[in-house]
Amino acid sequence: MSRYARDAVCLPMRPGLHQKVSKHLFSRLGRFAHNPSPRDLLSRHIRLSHAQRTDAPLVDEDHHEPGGLHADETAVNDLDLLFDPELFMQDMLPPALFDFDADCPFNDDQTHLQSPGSNDFPRFSSRLPDLVDAERSPNSDVDHSGAFADLTGILPWSFSEPAYEGFCLEVESYSAVFPGNWQVPSRNALSRNLESYFRCFQENLPFLHSATFSVAKTDVELLLAAAALGAQNRFETSCSCCLYFMAKAIFEEKTRRQGLELSTGLLSGRNHPMLERRDGLGKIQTLILLITYASWAGEDALPDALSMGGQLSMLVRQHQFSESDVPADVDGRLMDAAAKEQAWCEWVSAEERRRTLLAAFVLLSLHNIAYDTPPQLFNHEICVFLPSCMEPWKATDAAHWHRSNPPSQRLFRQALQSLFDGVVSPLSSFADYVLIHGLLQQISIANRDAKGKSIQPDAVKAFENALHTWQSSWELTHESTLDPLSEKGPLGLNATALLRLAYIRLSSHSAPCRALLSRDIRNLVIEKAHTERSPRVDRAVLHAAHALSIPYRAFSEQPRMCLIA
């Protein structure tokens, strides 16, 4: 395809633009596709768009356009009809090319190629116009409410009309605490950014259960925080910043009101234990999202992330960082459909709770690793079971969950101790990720206790054995992979990066550097310039080189990664 044809496909013409199109460009445009004339292209468009209509002739072959300048103007005026974006998408790009979520449980009647006027929101959500514009389209009289209502139960980021109206009303009720120039995100923008969160960022820290997630039953501040991360992932900086500050303002205002209500109850002599536990898990999830955004949004937002870390650890302790019950083995063969549904719902509730608490531990551990903050949650405080594998977690219904046969789970502290005992056992990728954070915390504490000196050789040997056992366990885990685009998720790759870091910290007895808080790499290099050479330092340098090779190989050998965002 020539350059002119490619530009014509990528830039659909708007009304009135044909008056500015030069005849030279139009004559060059007619060279592609075996040099068809504009009239031929128009006939092809009408024939493809109205192939099912036989009540009238498509083109009057006996009709001839007048020649000369008027013919050129007529052809240019008709040029708008040639640029139907959905028609070009169907002719040139197969729908499967955009189906990034092969596991999404669409119905069979929704997977066929649809007509240009149909609602393709699940498949082409990132390529469709705004929903407001869609309502003004010529086909707006067609009722798609039934299909959209069905998809709302499948896609966690879909908003029904009543759900979006309720969202807007609740957000506007907090307008007094919002920063200036705020506005409620449109329904399409909110869905698009939530989709980006669930499809991309959620895989790095999966603690929200997408199959049972409902926007109508979720706090608006959590929705805004998740949408802010989704917009950040799409490089929509201004939009993500606005969503973040709106979510943060609502969260702080709700916290202030609940604190005032609790104080009033205490002063009046009434005990309100339920106030302390109200929406505890939802508040923790919202804080995790807010801290995650602020941690990587830039230097100005980083103090927010560090200050909210203490609040997160306090909420986790209030929510009892322990397992309330032991997960029981469930035999689906002896249960009816209602019992299976009940067992699945109970398992999802317990699994989401432990994943949320462990996600808080992981996030605060990353702060300790990157910014040398004191550990906010210690290993000995974690009394929950490790996360399950991804297959039961991603099950969309009770039947799928029972078929996945979720294995028995282990307590975090028992699994961490087994690494020092040399016991190798396969776990989930999320469990491996949590355990390597636990090992890094113990190495960090050992470095602090050494007060600038090398860790004792016996302790180094014990840590090396534990890291070797962890690596053997990682290799036995079915979900482990170094492919960042694998369907198994990125947690396996992220865990290996922390393994390299653990070896570096252990071999060079180097603690985290507070220079990272200022994002000044020059001062960081100057501080580490006088490190003495030793075999262990050489090993740390080797691990650092291997760690740097991972992202280089990922982006050089798999350039398609750049297209995911």
Protein backbone atom coordinates (compact mmCIF):
# COMPACT_ATOMS: atom_id res chain seq x y z
CA MET A 1 0.00 0.00 0.00
CA SER A 2 1.33 3.42 -0.89
CA ARG A 3 1.98 6.13 1.64
CA TYR A 4 -1.01 8.12 0.45
CA ALA A 5 -3.36 5.17 0.77
CA ARG A 6 -2.06 4.42 4.25
CA ASP A 7 -2.64 8.02 5.34
CA ALA A 8 -6.14 7.90 3.93
CA VAL A 9 -6.97 4.77 5.94
CA CYS A 10 -5.51 6.10 9.20
CA LEU A 11 -7.12 9.54 8.95
CA PRO A 12 -10.87 9.33 8.27
CA MET A 13 -12.19 12.53 6.73
CA ARG A 14 -14.62 14.75 8.61
CA PRO A 15 -17.40 16.82 7.02
CA GLY A 16 -16.10 19.89 5.20
CA LEU A 17 -12.56 18.61 4.90
CA HIS A 18 -13.08 17.56 1.28
CA GLN A 19 -12.93 21.20 0.23
CA LYS A 20 -9.26 21.28 1.28
CA VAL A 21 -8.21 18.07 -0.46
CA SER A 22 -6.03 18.77 -3.47
CA LYS A 23 -6.70 17.12 -6.77
CA HIS A 24 -3.09 15.98 -6.84
CA LEU A 25 -3.49 13.95 -3.65
CA PHE A 26 -6.75 12.51 -4.88
CA SER A 27 -5.21 11.41 -8.16
CA ARG A 28 -2.34 9.75 -6.27
CA LEU A 29 -4.83 8.03 -3.96
CA GLY A 30 -6.47 6.32 -6.91
CA ARG A 31 -3.30 4.35 -7.72
CA PHE A 32 -3.69 1.69 -5.01
CA ALA A 33 -5.88 -1.42 -5.27
CA HIS A 34 -5.33 -1.87 -9.02
CA ASN A 35 -5.99 1.80 -9.71
CA PRO A 36 -9.76 1.86 -9.15
CA SER A 37 -11.60 5.05 -9.86
CA PRO A 38 -13.35 6.89 -7.03
CA ARG A 39 -16.66 5.77 -8.45
CA ASP A 40 -15.52 2.14 -8.28
CA LEU A 41 -14.51 2.56 -4.65
CA LEU A 42 -17.87 4.11 -3.85
CA SER A 43 -19.66 1.25 -5.59
CA ARG A 44 -17.59 -1.26 -3.60
CA HIS A 45 -18.46 0.49 -0.35
CA ILE A 46 -22.19 0.48 -1.11
CA ARG A 47 -22.08 -3.15 -2.28
CA LEU A 48 -20.34 -4.32 0.92
CA SER A 49 -22.42 -2.20 3.28
CA HIS A 50 -25.76 -3.16 1.74
CA ALA A 51 -25.14 -6.67 0.46
CA GLN A 52 -28.38 -7.93 2.02
CA ARG A 53 -30.62 -5.34 0.38
CA THR A 54 -32.17 -6.38 -2.95
CA ASP A 55 -35.17 -4.09 -3.18
CA ALA A 56 -33.38 -1.44 -5.26
CA PRO A 57 -30.41 -1.33 -7.61
CA LEU A 58 -27.14 -0.50 -5.87
CA VAL A 59 -25.63 1.62 -8.65
CA ASP A 60 -27.15 3.07 -11.78
CA GLU A 61 -24.69 1.87 -14.34
CA ASP A 62 -26.29 3.95 -17.10
CA HIS A 63 -25.86 7.15 -15.16
CA HIS A 64 -22.74 9.14 -16.05
CA GLU A 65 -21.35 12.02 -14.07
CA PRO A 66 -20.68 15.20 -16.05
CA GLY A 67 -17.09 15.69 -17.00
CA GLY A 68 -14.64 18.45 -16.22
CA LEU A 69 -14.30 20.30 -12.93
CA HIS A 70 -17.78 19.39 -11.74
CA ALA A 71 -16.94 15.71 -11.97
CA ASP A 72 -13.87 16.20 -9.80
CA GLU A 73 -15.84 18.14 -7.22
CA THR A 74 -18.53 15.46 -7.15
CA ALA A 75 -15.93 12.75 -6.65
CA VAL A 76 -14.25 14.69 -3.85
CA ASN A 77 -17.61 15.32 -2.20
CA ASP A 78 -18.28 11.58 -2.25
CA LEU A 79 -14.88 10.82 -0.74
CA ASP A 80 -16.25 10.94 2.81
CA LEU A 81 -18.22 7.79 2.12
CA LEU A 82 -15.04 5.87 1.39
CA PHE A 83 -13.64 6.21 4.89
CA ASP A 84 -15.75 4.00 7.09
CA PRO A 85 -13.30 3.03 9.92
CA GLU A 86 -15.22 -0.08 10.92
CA LEU A 87 -15.43 -1.21 7.29
CA PHE A 88 -11.67 -0.90 6.90
CA MET A 89 -11.20 -2.76 10.18
CA GLN A 90 -13.32 -5.66 8.99
CA ASP A 91 -11.72 -5.86 5.57
CA MET A 92 -8.09 -5.48 6.59
CA LEU A 93 -7.79 -6.59 10.25
CA PRO A 94 -9.37 -9.81 11.54
CA PRO A 95 -11.33 -9.46 14.78
CA ALA A 96 -9.13 -12.10 16.46
CA LEU A 97 -6.21 -9.68 16.23
CA PHE A 98 -7.80 -7.53 18.94
CA ASP A 99 -8.93 -10.43 21.14
CA PHE A 100 -6.24 -10.09 23.80
CA ASP A 101 -8.31 -11.88 26.43
CA ALA A 102 -8.81 -15.33 24.98
CA ASP A 103 -10.18 -16.65 28.27
CA CYS A 104 -12.98 -14.10 28.49
CA PRO A 105 -16.22 -16.14 28.65
CA PHE A 106 -18.15 -14.65 25.75
CA ASN A 107 -21.16 -16.47 24.48
CA ASP A 108 -20.94 -18.22 21.15
CA ASP A 109 -23.44 -15.86 19.60
CA GLN A 110 -21.21 -12.91 20.50
CA THR A 111 -18.04 -14.15 18.88
CA HIS A 112 -19.06 -13.96 15.24
CA LEU A 113 -18.15 -11.04 13.02
CA GLN A 114 -20.69 -8.34 13.67
CA SER A 115 -22.01 -5.68 11.37
CA PRO A 116 -20.57 -2.17 11.43
CA GLY A 117 -23.51 -0.86 13.38
CA SER A 118 -23.40 -3.41 16.18
CA ASN A 119 -22.02 -2.90 19.65
CA ASP A 120 -18.46 -4.20 19.76
CA PHE A 121 -17.54 -2.73 23.14
CA PRO A 122 -15.95 -5.87 24.68
CA ARG A 123 -13.75 -6.63 21.68
CA PHE A 124 -12.95 -3.15 20.36
CA SER A 125 -13.37 -1.15 23.54
CA SER A 126 -10.13 0.78 23.07
CA ARG A 127 -10.95 1.65 19.46
CA LEU A 128 -14.57 2.76 19.63
CA PRO A 129 -15.67 6.40 19.79
CA ASP A 130 -17.07 7.93 22.95
CA LEU A 131 -20.40 6.54 24.05
CA VAL A 132 -21.90 10.03 23.77
CA ASP A 133 -20.96 10.12 20.11
CA ALA A 134 -22.27 6.60 19.66
CA GLU A 135 -25.68 7.67 20.91
CA ARG A 136 -25.79 10.32 18.17
CA SER A 137 -24.95 7.87 15.39
CA PRO A 138 -27.49 7.07 12.68
CA ASN A 139 -28.04 3.61 14.21
CA SER A 140 -28.82 4.99 17.66
CA ASP A 141 -32.43 3.86 17.36
CA VAL A 142 -31.31 0.23 17.63
CA ASP A 143 -31.77 -1.11 21.17
CA HIS A 144 -28.55 -2.67 22.51
CA SER A 145 -29.51 -2.49 26.17
CA GLY A 146 -30.05 -6.23 26.44
CA ALA A 147 -26.61 -7.13 25.09
CA PHE A 148 -24.94 -4.49 27.25
CA ALA A 149 -26.76 -5.73 30.34
CA ASP A 150 -25.58 -9.26 29.64
CA LEU A 151 -21.98 -8.14 29.22
CA THR A 152 -22.15 -6.09 32.41
CA GLY A 153 -22.22 -9.34 34.37
CA ILE A 154 -19.17 -10.64 32.51
CA LEU A 155 -16.84 -7.67 32.29
CA PRO A 156 -15.92 -6.12 35.65
CA TRP A 157 -15.30 -2.69 34.11
CA SER A 158 -18.72 -2.34 32.44
CA PHE A 159 -21.13 0.28 33.77
CA SER A 160 -24.86 0.00 33.32
CA GLU A 161 -26.76 3.26 33.03
CA PRO A 162 -28.19 3.10 36.59
CA ALA A 163 -24.79 2.16 38.02
CA TYR A 164 -23.11 5.11 36.32
CA GLU A 165 -25.84 7.52 37.47
CA GLY A 166 -25.41 6.31 41.05
CA PHE A 167 -21.64 6.68 40.72
CA CYS A 168 -21.98 10.28 39.51
CA LEU A 169 -24.38 11.22 42.31
CA GLU A 170 -22.10 9.85 45.02
CA VAL A 171 -18.98 11.46 43.55
CA GLU A 172 -20.73 14.83 43.27
CA SER A 173 -21.75 14.61 46.94
CA TYR A 174 -18.05 15.03 47.81
CA SER A 175 -17.47 17.98 45.48
CA ALA A 176 -16.70 20.29 48.41
CA VAL A 177 -13.43 18.45 49.14
CA PHE A 178 -12.24 18.11 45.54
CA PRO A 179 -9.41 20.19 44.08
CA GLY A 180 -10.25 22.82 41.49
CA ASN A 181 -11.17 22.03 37.88
CA TRP A 182 -12.50 18.58 38.72
CA GLN A 183 -15.07 16.76 36.64
CA VAL A 184 -16.75 13.38 36.80
CA PRO A 185 -15.16 11.04 34.24
CA SER A 186 -17.41 9.99 31.41
CA ARG A 187 -18.87 6.52 31.40
CA ASN A 188 -16.69 5.49 28.48
CA ALA A 189 -13.48 6.93 29.99
CA LEU A 190 -14.16 5.26 33.32
CA SER A 191 -14.79 1.88 31.70
CA ARG A 192 -11.72 2.24 29.48
CA ASN A 193 -9.39 2.97 32.39
CA LEU A 194 -10.88 0.24 34.57
CA GLU A 195 -10.38 -2.16 31.68
CA SER A 196 -6.73 -1.11 31.51
CA TYR A 197 -6.38 -1.80 35.23
CA PHE A 198 -7.94 -5.27 35.11
CA ARG A 199 -6.22 -6.34 31.90
CA CYS A 200 -2.74 -5.00 32.68
CA PHE A 201 -1.96 -3.80 36.18
CA GLN A 202 -4.12 -6.32 38.03
CA GLU A 203 -1.81 -9.13 36.87
CA ASN A 204 1.10 -7.63 38.83
CA LEU A 205 -0.75 -7.65 42.16
CA PRO A 206 -3.97 -9.67 41.81
CA PHE A 207 -6.09 -9.08 44.89
CA LEU A 208 -9.42 -7.95 43.38
CA HIS A 209 -11.57 -10.86 42.25
CA SER A 210 -12.65 -9.80 38.78
CA ALA A 211 -15.28 -12.53 38.30
CA THR A 212 -17.36 -11.28 41.23
CA PHE A 213 -16.36 -7.60 41.00
CA SER A 214 -19.34 -5.28 40.60
CA VAL A 215 -18.99 -1.56 39.95
CA ALA A 216 -22.46 -0.99 41.39
CA LYS A 217 -21.46 -2.51 44.76
CA THR A 218 -17.95 -1.05 45.00
CA ASP A 219 -16.95 2.14 46.80
CA VAL A 220 -16.50 5.04 44.40
CA GLU A 221 -13.06 5.89 45.80
CA LEU A 222 -11.85 2.37 45.00
CA LEU A 223 -13.21 2.67 41.45
CA LEU A 224 -11.50 6.03 40.98
CA ALA A 225 -8.20 4.72 42.37
CA ALA A 226 -8.28 1.69 40.06
CA ALA A 227 -9.17 3.93 37.12
CA ALA A 228 -6.24 6.20 38.01
CA LEU A 229 -3.85 3.25 37.78
CA GLY A 230 -5.45 2.24 34.48
CA ALA A 231 -5.03 5.74 33.08
CA GLN A 232 -1.42 5.77 34.31
CA ASN A 233 -0.85 2.51 32.47
CA ARG A 234 -2.25 4.16 29.32
CA PHE A 235 0.10 7.15 29.79
CA GLU A 236 -2.85 9.50 30.31
CA THR A 237 -0.98 11.51 32.94
CA SER A 238 -3.41 14.39 33.40
CA CYS A 239 -6.44 12.11 33.62
CA SER A 240 -4.75 9.71 36.05
CA CYS A 241 -3.66 12.58 38.31
CA CYS A 242 -7.20 13.97 38.45
CA LEU A 243 -8.68 10.56 39.23
CA TYR A 244 -6.07 9.95 41.94
CA PHE A 245 -6.74 13.21 43.78
CA MET A 246 -10.51 12.67 43.60
CA ALA A 247 -10.14 9.15 45.04
CA LYS A 248 -7.77 10.37 47.74
CA ALA A 249 -10.08 13.25 48.71
CA ILE A 250 -13.11 10.95 49.04
CA PHE A 251 -11.12 8.40 51.03
CA GLU A 252 -9.82 11.02 53.46
CA GLU A 253 -13.25 12.60 53.87
CA LYS A 254 -14.87 9.25 54.61
CA THR A 255 -12.11 8.48 57.12
CA ARG A 256 -12.65 11.86 58.79
CA ARG A 257 -16.40 11.33 59.05
CA GLN A 258 -16.03 7.84 60.47
CA GLY A 259 -13.47 9.09 62.99
CA LEU A 260 -15.85 11.86 64.04
CA GLU A 261 -18.69 9.38 64.41
CA LEU A 262 -16.49 7.09 66.50
CA SER A 263 -15.38 9.97 68.73
CA THR A 264 -18.98 11.03 69.26
CA GLY A 265 -19.91 7.51 70.29
CA LEU A 266 -17.01 7.25 72.73
CA LEU A 267 -17.78 10.62 74.34
CA SER A 268 -21.41 9.64 74.79
CA GLY A 269 -20.41 6.39 76.49
CA ARG A 270 -21.69 4.15 73.71
CA ASN A 271 -19.47 1.40 72.36
CA HIS A 272 -19.42 0.98 68.57
CA PRO A 273 -17.06 -1.88 67.75
CA MET A 274 -18.65 -2.17 64.31
CA LEU A 275 -17.36 1.29 63.38
CA GLU A 276 -13.78 0.09 63.64
CA ARG A 277 -14.37 -2.81 61.26
CA ARG A 278 -16.74 -1.07 58.83
CA ASP A 279 -15.60 -1.52 55.26
CA GLY A 280 -12.17 -2.52 56.57
CA LEU A 281 -11.21 -4.66 53.58
CA GLY A 282 -12.46 -2.10 51.06
CA LYS A 283 -10.46 0.65 52.78
CA ILE A 284 -7.32 -1.49 52.66
CA GLN A 285 -7.85 -2.19 48.97
CA THR A 286 -8.36 1.50 48.22
CA LEU A 287 -5.22 2.44 50.15
CA ILE A 288 -3.20 -0.18 48.28
CA LEU A 289 -4.28 1.32 44.96
CA LEU A 290 -3.62 4.90 46.10
CA ILE A 291 -0.17 4.06 47.48
CA THR A 292 0.71 2.10 44.35
CA TYR A 293 -0.17 5.05 42.15
CA ALA A 294 1.68 7.60 44.29
CA SER A 295 4.77 5.38 44.59
CA TRP A 296 5.45 5.49 40.86
CA ALA A 297 3.69 8.69 39.77
CA GLY A 298 6.73 10.90 40.27
CA GLU A 299 8.78 12.70 42.86
CA ASP A 300 5.97 15.05 43.93
CA ALA A 301 3.54 12.23 44.76
CA LEU A 302 6.06 10.01 46.57
CA PRO A 303 5.65 11.68 50.01
CA ASP A 304 1.94 10.81 49.82
CA ALA A 305 2.80 7.16 49.27
CA LEU A 306 5.20 7.02 52.21
CA SER A 307 2.81 8.81 54.57
CA MET A 308 -0.10 6.55 53.63
CA GLY A 309 2.07 3.49 54.31
CA GLY A 310 1.71 3.93 58.06
CA GLN A 311 -2.06 4.23 57.71
CA LEU A 312 -2.13 1.05 55.64
CA SER A 313 -0.19 -0.96 58.22
CA MET A 314 -2.50 0.29 60.97
CA LEU A 315 -5.60 -0.76 59.00
CA VAL A 316 -4.10 -4.18 58.33
CA ARG A 317 -3.46 -4.74 62.02
CA GLN A 318 -6.98 -3.56 62.88
CA HIS A 319 -8.35 -6.02 60.34
CA GLN A 320 -6.53 -8.83 62.17
CA PHE A 321 -3.61 -10.02 60.07
CA SER A 322 -4.43 -13.66 60.84
CA GLU A 323 -6.46 -16.49 59.39
CA SER A 324 -9.92 -16.73 60.90
CA ASP A 325 -10.53 -20.25 59.65
CA VAL A 326 -8.66 -23.11 58.03
CA PRO A 327 -9.63 -23.71 54.39
CA ALA A 328 -11.34 -27.07 54.12
CA ASP A 329 -11.00 -29.53 51.27
CA VAL A 330 -14.19 -29.49 49.22
CA ASP A 331 -15.44 -32.50 47.27
CA GLY A 332 -17.73 -31.14 44.58
CA ARG A 333 -18.95 -34.61 43.64
CA LEU A 334 -20.95 -34.83 46.86
CA MET A 335 -22.56 -31.39 46.57
CA ASP A 336 -25.53 -30.03 44.68
CA ALA A 337 -25.42 -26.83 42.62
CA ALA A 338 -26.49 -24.56 45.49
CA ALA A 339 -23.88 -26.03 47.84
CA LYS A 340 -21.18 -25.63 45.18
CA GLU A 341 -22.14 -21.99 44.69
CA GLN A 342 -22.05 -21.38 48.43
CA ALA A 343 -18.65 -23.06 48.80
CA TRP A 344 -17.25 -21.02 45.92
CA CYS A 345 -18.51 -17.74 47.36
CA GLU A 346 -17.01 -18.52 50.76
CA TRP A 347 -13.69 -19.49 49.17
CA VAL A 348 -13.60 -16.31 47.07
CA SER A 349 -14.29 -14.15 50.12
CA ALA A 350 -11.48 -15.78 52.14
CA GLU A 351 -9.05 -15.81 49.22
CA GLU A 352 -9.64 -12.14 48.36
CA ARG A 353 -9.12 -11.20 52.00
CA ARG A 354 -5.77 -12.99 52.31
CA ARG A 355 -4.62 -11.69 48.93
CA THR A 356 -5.48 -8.15 50.00
CA LEU A 357 -3.54 -8.46 53.25
CA LEU A 358 -0.55 -10.01 51.48
CA ALA A 359 -0.69 -7.32 48.78
CA ALA A 360 -0.37 -4.72 51.55
CA PHE A 361 2.64 -6.60 52.92
CA VAL A 362 4.24 -6.75 49.45
CA LEU A 363 3.66 -3.06 48.75
CA LEU A 364 5.18 -1.94 52.05
CA SER A 365 8.06 -4.34 51.46
CA LEU A 366 8.73 -2.64 48.12
CA HIS A 367 8.95 0.68 49.96
CA ASN A 368 11.50 -0.86 52.31
CA ILE A 369 13.48 -2.23 49.36
CA ALA A 370 13.46 0.94 47.27
CA TYR A 371 13.46 3.76 49.83
CA ASP A 372 14.98 2.20 52.97
CA THR A 373 11.87 2.84 55.05
CA PRO A 374 11.56 0.75 58.23
CA PRO A 375 9.51 -2.41 57.77
CA GLN A 376 5.89 -1.54 58.49
CA LEU A 377 4.72 -5.18 58.62
CA PHE A 378 7.01 -7.93 59.87
CA ASN A 379 7.14 -11.57 58.84
CA HIS A 380 6.15 -12.83 62.26
CA GLU A 381 2.89 -10.83 62.07
CA ILE A 382 1.67 -12.67 58.98
CA CYS A 383 -0.57 -15.55 59.99
CA VAL A 384 -2.52 -16.08 56.78
CA PHE A 385 -2.39 -18.82 54.18
CA LEU A 386 -0.48 -18.24 50.97
CA PRO A 387 -2.47 -17.37 47.83
CA SER A 388 -3.83 -20.13 45.65
CA CYS A 389 -2.94 -20.80 42.02
CA MET A 390 -4.34 -18.62 39.27
CA GLU A 391 -6.72 -21.18 37.77
CA PRO A 392 -9.14 -21.38 40.73
CA TRP A 393 -8.68 -17.65 41.36
CA LYS A 394 -9.70 -16.79 37.79
CA ALA A 395 -12.61 -19.24 37.73
CA THR A 396 -15.72 -17.44 36.54
CA ASP A 397 -18.27 -19.68 38.23
CA ALA A 398 -18.62 -22.43 40.83
CA ALA A 399 -18.43 -25.25 38.28
CA HIS A 400 -15.16 -23.96 36.84
CA TRP A 401 -13.77 -23.50 40.34
CA HIS A 402 -14.61 -27.09 41.34
CA ARG A 403 -13.06 -28.43 38.13
CA SER A 404 -9.83 -26.56 38.89
CA ASN A 405 -9.59 -28.57 42.14
CA PRO A 406 -7.88 -25.92 44.31
CA PRO A 407 -5.02 -27.55 46.24
CA SER A 408 -4.48 -27.25 49.96
CA GLN A 409 -2.71 -24.06 51.03
CA ARG A 410 0.13 -23.44 53.49
CA LEU A 411 0.63 -20.77 56.10
CA PHE A 412 3.14 -18.06 55.22
CA ARG A 413 5.36 -18.55 58.26
CA GLN A 414 5.48 -22.32 57.82
CA ALA A 415 6.39 -21.99 54.14
CA LEU A 416 9.08 -19.40 54.95
CA GLN A 417 10.62 -21.64 57.59
CA SER A 418 10.58 -24.59 55.19
CA LEU A 419 12.89 -22.63 52.87
CA PHE A 420 15.55 -22.52 55.59
CA ASP A 421 14.91 -26.21 56.25
CA GLY A 422 15.57 -27.06 52.61
CA VAL A 423 12.06 -28.38 51.92
CA VAL A 424 11.13 -27.87 48.25
CA SER A 425 7.44 -27.72 47.33
CA PRO A 426 5.62 -26.19 44.34
CA LEU A 427 3.44 -23.19 45.13
CA SER A 428 1.56 -20.53 43.20
CA SER A 429 3.44 -17.69 41.52
CA PHE A 430 1.87 -15.19 43.93
CA ALA A 431 2.98 -17.34 46.88
CA ASP A 432 6.56 -17.43 45.56
CA TYR A 433 6.42 -13.66 45.13
CA VAL A 434 5.32 -13.16 48.75
CA LEU A 435 7.96 -15.57 50.09
CA ILE A 436 10.85 -13.83 48.31
CA HIS A 437 9.67 -10.59 49.94
CA GLY A 438 9.85 -12.36 53.29
CA LEU A 439 13.42 -13.49 52.60
CA LEU A 440 14.41 -9.98 51.52
CA GLN A 441 13.04 -8.55 54.76
CA GLN A 442 15.12 -10.95 56.84
CA ILE A 443 18.24 -10.13 54.80
CA SER A 444 17.52 -6.41 55.29
CA ILE A 445 17.19 -6.87 59.06
CA ALA A 446 20.43 -8.88 59.14
CA ASN A 447 22.22 -6.08 57.28
CA ARG A 448 20.90 -3.53 59.76
CA ASP A 449 22.02 -5.63 62.71
CA ALA A 450 25.51 -5.91 61.18
CA LYS A 451 25.79 -2.08 61.36
CA GLY A 452 27.79 -1.65 58.17
CA LYS A 453 29.85 -4.81 58.56
CA SER A 454 29.51 -8.09 56.73
CA ILE A 455 26.88 -10.56 57.85
CA GLN A 456 28.23 -13.53 59.76
CA PRO A 457 29.33 -16.40 57.44
CA ASP A 458 26.91 -18.85 59.05
CA ALA A 459 24.01 -16.48 58.47
CA VAL A 460 25.10 -15.90 54.87
CA LYS A 461 25.21 -19.66 54.29
CA ALA A 462 21.72 -20.08 55.75
CA PHE A 463 20.34 -17.33 53.53
CA GLU A 464 22.02 -18.80 50.45
CA ASN A 465 20.49 -22.20 51.18
CA ALA A 466 17.07 -20.61 51.61
CA LEU A 467 17.41 -18.72 48.32
CA HIS A 468 18.50 -21.90 46.57
CA THR A 469 15.49 -23.76 47.99
CA TRP A 470 13.22 -20.92 46.87
CA GLN A 471 14.66 -21.13 43.36
CA SER A 472 14.07 -24.89 43.26
CA SER A 473 10.49 -24.34 44.41
CA TRP A 474 10.02 -21.64 41.77
CA GLU A 475 11.22 -24.03 39.06
CA LEU A 476 8.65 -26.63 40.16
CA THR A 477 5.80 -24.13 40.13
CA HIS A 478 3.59 -24.54 37.08
CA GLU A 479 2.95 -20.79 36.80
CA SER A 480 6.62 -19.81 36.81
CA THR A 481 7.87 -18.23 33.61
CA LEU A 482 10.35 -15.60 32.45
CA ASP A 483 8.12 -14.53 29.57
CA PRO A 484 6.54 -11.15 30.47
CA LEU A 485 3.74 -11.81 27.96
CA SER A 486 2.89 -15.29 29.19
CA GLU A 487 -0.72 -16.12 30.01
CA LYS A 488 0.56 -17.24 33.42
CA GLY A 489 1.16 -13.62 34.37
CA PRO A 490 4.23 -11.53 35.25
CA LEU A 491 4.56 -12.56 38.91
CA GLY A 492 7.07 -15.29 38.11
CA LEU A 493 9.32 -12.82 36.31
CA ASN A 494 8.90 -10.19 39.04
CA ALA A 495 9.87 -12.74 41.69
CA THR A 496 13.11 -13.62 39.89
CA ALA A 497 14.05 -9.93 39.87
CA LEU A 498 13.73 -9.92 43.65
CA LEU A 499 15.80 -13.11 43.82
CA ARG A 500 18.64 -11.30 42.03
CA LEU A 501 18.24 -8.39 44.40
CA ALA A 502 18.40 -10.70 47.41
CA TYR A 503 21.70 -12.16 46.20
CA ILE A 504 23.04 -8.64 45.59
CA ARG A 505 22.07 -7.47 49.09
CA LEU A 506 23.49 -10.62 50.63
CA SER A 507 26.76 -10.56 48.69
CA SER A 508 27.55 -6.86 48.94
CA HIS A 509 26.00 -6.28 52.39
CA SER A 510 24.53 -3.11 50.92
CA ALA A 511 21.37 -1.70 52.42
CA PRO A 512 18.74 0.22 50.46
CA CYS A 513 19.85 3.72 49.59
CA ARG A 514 17.86 6.76 50.63
CA ALA A 515 19.24 8.58 47.59
CA LEU A 516 16.45 6.92 45.63
CA LEU A 517 14.02 9.22 47.41
CA SER A 518 15.52 12.18 45.57
CA ARG A 519 15.74 10.25 42.28
CA ASP A 520 19.31 11.60 41.96
CA ILE A 521 21.35 8.82 40.37
CA ARG A 522 24.58 10.85 40.43
CA ASN A 523 24.68 11.04 44.22
CA LEU A 524 23.86 7.35 44.39
CA VAL A 525 26.83 6.48 42.17
CA ILE A 526 29.17 8.70 44.19
CA GLU A 527 28.08 7.04 47.44
CA LYS A 528 28.81 3.54 46.09
CA ALA A 529 31.98 4.46 44.19
CA HIS A 530 34.37 3.34 46.97
CA THR A 531 33.06 -0.20 47.41
CA GLU A 532 35.93 -2.61 48.01
CA ARG A 533 36.40 -5.48 45.58
CA SER A 534 35.87 -9.00 46.87
CA PRO A 535 34.57 -12.32 45.51
CA ARG A 536 31.14 -11.58 46.97
CA VAL A 537 31.04 -8.12 45.43
CA ASP A 538 31.99 -9.68 42.10
CA ARG A 539 29.09 -12.09 42.50
CA ALA A 540 26.76 -9.17 43.28
CA VAL A 541 27.93 -7.37 40.13
CA LEU A 542 27.30 -10.54 38.11
CA HIS A 543 23.76 -10.81 39.48
CA ALA A 544 23.19 -7.12 38.69
CA ALA A 545 24.33 -7.67 35.10
CA HIS A 546 21.98 -10.63 34.74
CA ALA A 547 19.13 -8.58 36.21
CA LEU A 548 19.72 -5.81 33.66
CA SER A 549 19.79 -8.33 30.83
CA ILE A 550 16.17 -9.38 31.48
CA PRO A 551 14.46 -6.11 30.42
CA TYR A 552 16.96 -5.64 27.60
CA ARG A 553 16.19 -9.06 26.14
CA ALA A 554 12.48 -8.59 26.70
CA PHE A 555 12.33 -5.40 24.67
CA SER A 556 14.90 -6.35 22.03
CA GLU A 557 13.73 -9.90 21.29
CA GLN A 558 10.01 -9.23 21.82
CA PRO A 559 9.26 -5.77 20.46
CA ARG A 560 5.55 -6.55 20.57
CA MET A 561 5.67 -5.69 24.27
CA CYS A 562 5.73 -2.04 23.28
CA LEU A 563 2.25 -2.43 21.77
CA ILE A 564 0.54 -3.84 24.84
CA ALA A 565 -0.19 -0.50 26.53
